[in-house]
Amino acid sequence: MSETFVREVDENLRRDQLRDFFNKYGNWLIAAVVMFLAASAAFIWWQQHQAQRAQGEVEELAQIYQDIGSADTSKAPQQLDTLSKSGSKSVRASAKFARAALALQQNDSKAAVAIYNSIASDSSLPQPYRDAALIRQTAIEFDDLKPEQVIARLESLAKPGEPWFGTAGEMTALAMIKQGKNQEAGQLFATIARDQGVPEPIRNRAAEVASSLGVEASPAPQPQAQ
């Protein structure tokens, strides 16, 4: 009986404590739940809204590409500038690349370089976009840059195994030639020529340049089908 009495008292005490807790904090708990549900609903709506907006922007971007392809570029610059401020990273980057290409088409290399630089320095964009922009920017500015600037800028990309090794390696090797480092440039061209991950046209060209610099190099052999 003593154990039963203690258990009943304990249960009553717990029930009273729970009742007192809800009497004291019940309104706050209800408000918190309501706020959480409202915030969740708002977040879901925002995600759907962003997805719908991004889809509309992609369709708009595709239409701009079609207009440019048909030589109708009258509205493209303004449209691309607007899409360059999109909340979607892919839309924003694609619009900027298209805007830079349009600037080059209109012989405005200064504007193109500025746009590529803005992409390359945008830390919010995925690295592949930034690397591609850096390659394009450097290619346009190559003749105006000092060799050491080219080499330093492309150092992280001009390495075997990197996606842009072929192009970045070529520009780095050409910068070395400007410095009078023909042997080092030839070795780099030879490395490019043997790298199976580099596109074949670049490998073939690198092999020819390496040979002209006195470094024997042959393009990497194609894997034979089983």
Protein backbone atom coordinates (compact mmCIF):
# COMPACT_ATOMS: atom_id res chain seq x y z
CA MET A 1 0.00 0.00 0.00
CA SER A 2 2.87 2.31 0.74
CA GLU A 3 4.31 1.86 -2.77
CA THR A 4 0.88 2.38 -4.36
CA PHE A 5 0.34 5.55 -2.34
CA VAL A 6 3.75 6.92 -3.29
CA ARG A 7 3.13 6.16 -6.96
CA GLU A 8 -0.26 7.91 -6.92
CA VAL A 9 1.21 10.93 -5.21
CA ASP A 10 4.02 11.01 -7.76
CA GLU A 11 1.56 10.81 -10.67
CA ASN A 12 -0.59 13.55 -9.19
CA LEU A 13 2.46 15.71 -8.66
CA ARG A 14 3.58 15.24 -12.25
CA ARG A 15 0.09 16.01 -13.52
CA ASP A 16 -0.08 19.17 -11.44
CA GLN A 17 3.34 20.26 -12.63
CA LEU A 18 2.37 19.69 -16.24
CA ARG A 19 -0.89 21.61 -15.75
CA ASP A 20 0.95 24.50 -14.10
CA PHE A 21 3.51 24.52 -16.91
CA PHE A 22 0.84 24.81 -19.59
CA ASN A 23 -1.05 27.40 -17.60
CA LYS A 24 2.11 29.48 -17.44
CA TYR A 25 3.62 28.85 -20.88
CA GLY A 26 0.73 27.44 -22.93
CA ASN A 27 0.06 30.64 -24.88
CA TRP A 28 3.73 31.00 -25.74
CA LEU A 29 3.91 27.39 -26.93
CA ILE A 30 0.85 27.80 -29.13
CA ALA A 31 2.26 31.02 -30.56
CA ALA A 32 5.59 29.31 -31.25
CA VAL A 33 3.87 26.41 -33.04
CA VAL A 34 1.79 28.81 -35.12
CA MET A 35 4.88 30.83 -36.03
CA PHE A 36 6.78 27.66 -36.97
CA LEU A 37 3.96 26.47 -39.21
CA ALA A 38 3.68 29.91 -40.81
CA ALA A 39 7.43 30.05 -41.40
CA SER A 40 7.42 26.55 -42.89
CA ALA A 41 4.55 27.44 -45.22
CA ALA A 42 6.32 30.66 -46.27
CA PHE A 43 9.55 28.78 -46.95
CA ILE A 44 7.77 26.18 -49.09
CA TRP A 45 6.00 28.95 -51.02
CA TRP A 46 9.28 30.80 -51.49
CA GLN A 47 10.98 27.67 -52.86
CA GLN A 48 8.15 27.08 -55.31
CA HIS A 49 8.17 30.74 -56.32
CA GLN A 50 11.93 30.67 -56.90
CA ALA A 51 11.64 27.47 -58.94
CA GLN A 52 8.89 28.97 -61.10
CA ARG A 53 10.84 32.20 -61.49
CA ALA A 54 14.02 30.33 -62.45
CA GLN A 55 12.08 28.30 -65.01
CA GLY A 56 10.71 31.49 -66.53
CA GLU A 57 14.20 33.00 -66.64
CA VAL A 58 15.59 29.91 -68.37
CA GLU A 59 12.88 30.17 -71.01
CA GLU A 60 13.65 33.87 -71.43
CA LEU A 61 17.35 33.10 -71.77
CA ALA A 62 16.62 30.48 -74.44
CA GLN A 63 14.58 33.02 -76.38
CA ILE A 64 17.43 35.53 -76.18
CA TYR A 65 19.80 32.90 -77.60
CA GLN A 66 17.40 32.32 -80.48
CA ASP A 67 17.19 36.05 -81.16
CA ILE A 68 20.97 36.39 -81.16
CA GLY A 69 21.24 33.39 -83.46
CA SER A 70 18.90 35.10 -85.91
CA ALA A 71 20.97 38.32 -85.72
CA ASP A 72 18.34 40.15 -83.67
CA THR A 73 20.45 41.70 -80.92
CA SER A 74 18.64 44.99 -80.40
CA LYS A 75 17.13 44.01 -77.04
CA ALA A 76 19.62 41.33 -75.98
CA PRO A 77 22.09 43.51 -74.01
CA GLN A 78 19.41 44.97 -71.74
CA GLN A 79 17.69 41.59 -71.30
CA LEU A 80 20.95 39.85 -70.45
CA ASP A 81 21.92 42.60 -68.01
CA THR A 82 18.62 42.03 -66.20
CA LEU A 83 19.11 38.25 -66.07
CA SER A 84 22.67 38.81 -64.83
CA LYS A 85 21.09 39.84 -61.52
CA SER A 86 19.03 36.66 -61.19
CA GLY A 87 18.87 34.82 -57.90
CA SER A 88 19.60 31.59 -59.78
CA LYS A 89 23.35 31.03 -60.01
CA SER A 90 23.16 29.11 -63.28
CA VAL A 91 20.92 31.72 -64.90
CA ARG A 92 23.08 34.57 -63.64
CA ALA A 93 26.30 32.97 -64.89
CA SER A 94 24.83 31.95 -68.25
CA ALA A 95 23.46 35.44 -68.84
CA LYS A 96 26.85 36.98 -68.06
CA PHE A 97 28.67 34.59 -70.39
CA ALA A 98 26.20 35.40 -73.16
CA ARG A 99 26.57 39.12 -72.48
CA ALA A 100 30.37 38.86 -72.69
CA ALA A 101 30.16 36.88 -75.94
CA LEU A 102 27.81 39.52 -77.35
CA ALA A 103 30.26 42.25 -76.36
CA LEU A 104 33.05 40.42 -78.22
CA GLN A 105 30.79 40.06 -81.23
CA GLN A 106 30.36 43.83 -81.15
CA ASN A 107 34.16 44.31 -80.86
CA ASP A 108 33.91 45.60 -77.30
CA SER A 109 36.67 43.52 -75.72
CA LYS A 110 36.95 45.89 -72.75
CA ALA A 111 33.35 45.19 -71.73
CA ALA A 112 33.84 41.46 -72.28
CA VAL A 113 36.92 41.40 -70.04
CA ALA A 114 35.05 43.27 -67.31
CA ILE A 115 32.18 40.78 -67.44
CA TYR A 116 34.46 37.75 -67.40
CA ASN A 117 36.35 39.26 -64.48
CA SER A 118 33.08 39.75 -62.57
CA ILE A 119 32.26 36.07 -63.06
CA ALA A 120 35.73 34.86 -62.09
CA SER A 121 35.70 36.93 -58.91
CA ASP A 122 32.14 36.02 -57.86
CA SER A 123 32.64 33.63 -54.95
CA SER A 124 28.93 32.77 -54.89
CA LEU A 125 29.18 31.02 -58.28
CA PRO A 126 30.32 27.40 -58.67
CA GLN A 127 34.03 27.03 -59.41
CA PRO A 128 33.62 25.65 -62.98
CA TYR A 129 31.91 28.89 -64.05
CA ARG A 130 34.66 30.97 -62.44
CA ASP A 131 37.45 28.91 -64.02
CA ALA A 132 35.89 29.16 -67.48
CA ALA A 133 35.56 32.92 -67.11
CA LEU A 134 39.19 33.22 -65.99
CA ILE A 135 40.34 31.29 -69.06
CA ARG A 136 38.30 33.49 -71.41
CA GLN A 137 39.45 36.69 -69.70
CA THR A 138 43.11 35.66 -69.89
CA ALA A 139 42.82 34.63 -73.55
CA ILE A 140 41.46 38.07 -74.46
CA GLU A 141 44.04 39.94 -72.38
CA PHE A 142 46.97 37.65 -73.20
CA ASP A 143 48.86 40.05 -75.49
CA ASP A 144 48.55 42.89 -72.99
CA LEU A 145 49.62 40.92 -69.91
CA LYS A 146 53.15 40.36 -68.73
CA PRO A 147 54.26 36.69 -68.96
CA GLU A 148 54.53 36.40 -65.20
CA GLN A 149 50.96 37.67 -64.83
CA VAL A 150 49.67 34.98 -67.16
CA ILE A 151 51.62 32.26 -65.38
CA ALA A 152 50.49 33.38 -61.93
CA ARG A 153 46.86 33.75 -62.97
CA LEU A 154 46.66 30.28 -64.52
CA GLU A 155 48.88 28.45 -62.06
CA SER A 156 46.07 26.46 -60.43
CA LEU A 157 44.56 25.47 -63.80
CA ALA A 158 47.74 24.63 -65.75
CA LYS A 159 48.23 21.30 -64.01
CA PRO A 160 47.71 17.76 -65.38
CA GLY A 161 44.32 16.44 -64.37
CA GLU A 162 42.67 19.85 -64.22
CA PRO A 163 39.70 20.28 -66.60
CA TRP A 164 41.29 23.34 -68.22
CA PHE A 165 44.83 21.96 -68.34
CA GLY A 166 45.05 21.98 -72.14
CA THR A 167 44.09 25.62 -72.65
CA ALA A 168 45.66 26.98 -69.46
CA GLY A 169 48.81 24.95 -70.12
CA GLU A 170 49.12 26.32 -73.65
CA MET A 171 48.86 29.93 -72.51
CA THR A 172 51.30 29.27 -69.67
CA ALA A 173 53.81 27.69 -72.07
CA LEU A 174 53.48 30.60 -74.49
CA ALA A 175 54.14 32.99 -71.61
CA MET A 176 57.28 30.97 -70.80
CA ILE A 177 58.44 31.38 -74.40
CA LYS A 178 58.05 35.15 -74.00
CA GLN A 179 60.34 34.84 -70.97
CA GLY A 180 62.89 32.96 -73.06
CA LYS A 181 62.28 29.68 -71.22
CA ASN A 182 61.92 27.58 -74.35
CA GLN A 183 63.00 24.30 -72.75
CA GLU A 184 60.48 24.60 -69.92
CA ALA A 185 57.80 25.61 -72.39
CA GLY A 186 58.62 22.61 -74.58
CA GLN A 187 58.36 20.26 -71.61
CA LEU A 188 54.96 21.68 -70.72
CA PHE A 189 53.75 21.34 -74.31
CA ALA A 190 54.98 17.73 -74.28
CA THR A 191 53.07 17.06 -71.06
CA ILE A 192 49.92 18.48 -72.65
CA ALA A 193 50.44 16.32 -75.74
CA ARG A 194 50.61 13.15 -73.65
CA ASP A 195 47.63 13.94 -71.40
CA GLN A 196 44.70 11.75 -72.44
CA GLY A 197 42.29 14.10 -70.71
CA VAL A 198 43.15 16.98 -73.05
CA PRO A 199 41.09 17.30 -76.28
CA GLU A 200 42.83 15.76 -79.30
CA PRO A 201 43.24 18.97 -81.34
CA ILE A 202 45.07 20.61 -78.43
CA ARG A 203 47.25 17.51 -77.92
CA ASN A 204 48.24 17.45 -81.59
CA ARG A 205 49.04 21.15 -81.60
CA ALA A 206 51.05 20.86 -78.38
CA ALA A 207 53.07 17.98 -79.84
CA GLU A 208 53.99 20.07 -82.89
CA VAL A 209 55.04 23.08 -80.81
CA ALA A 210 57.04 20.87 -78.43
CA SER A 211 58.91 19.36 -81.38
CA SER A 212 59.65 22.81 -82.78
CA LEU A 213 61.20 23.65 -79.41
CA GLY A 214 63.42 20.58 -79.53
CA VAL A 215 61.37 18.43 -77.15
CA GLU A 216 60.17 15.12 -78.50
CA ALA A 217 56.50 14.59 -77.81
CA SER A 218 53.73 12.55 -79.34
CA PRO A 219 50.02 12.79 -78.53
CA ALA A 220 48.79 10.22 -76.05
CA PRO A 221 47.70 7.07 -77.89
CA GLN A 222 43.97 6.47 -78.15
CA PRO A 223 42.75 3.47 -76.12
CA GLN A 224 41.97 0.57 -78.40
CA ALA A 225 38.48 -0.87 -78.38
CA GLN A 226 38.15 -4.31 -76.88
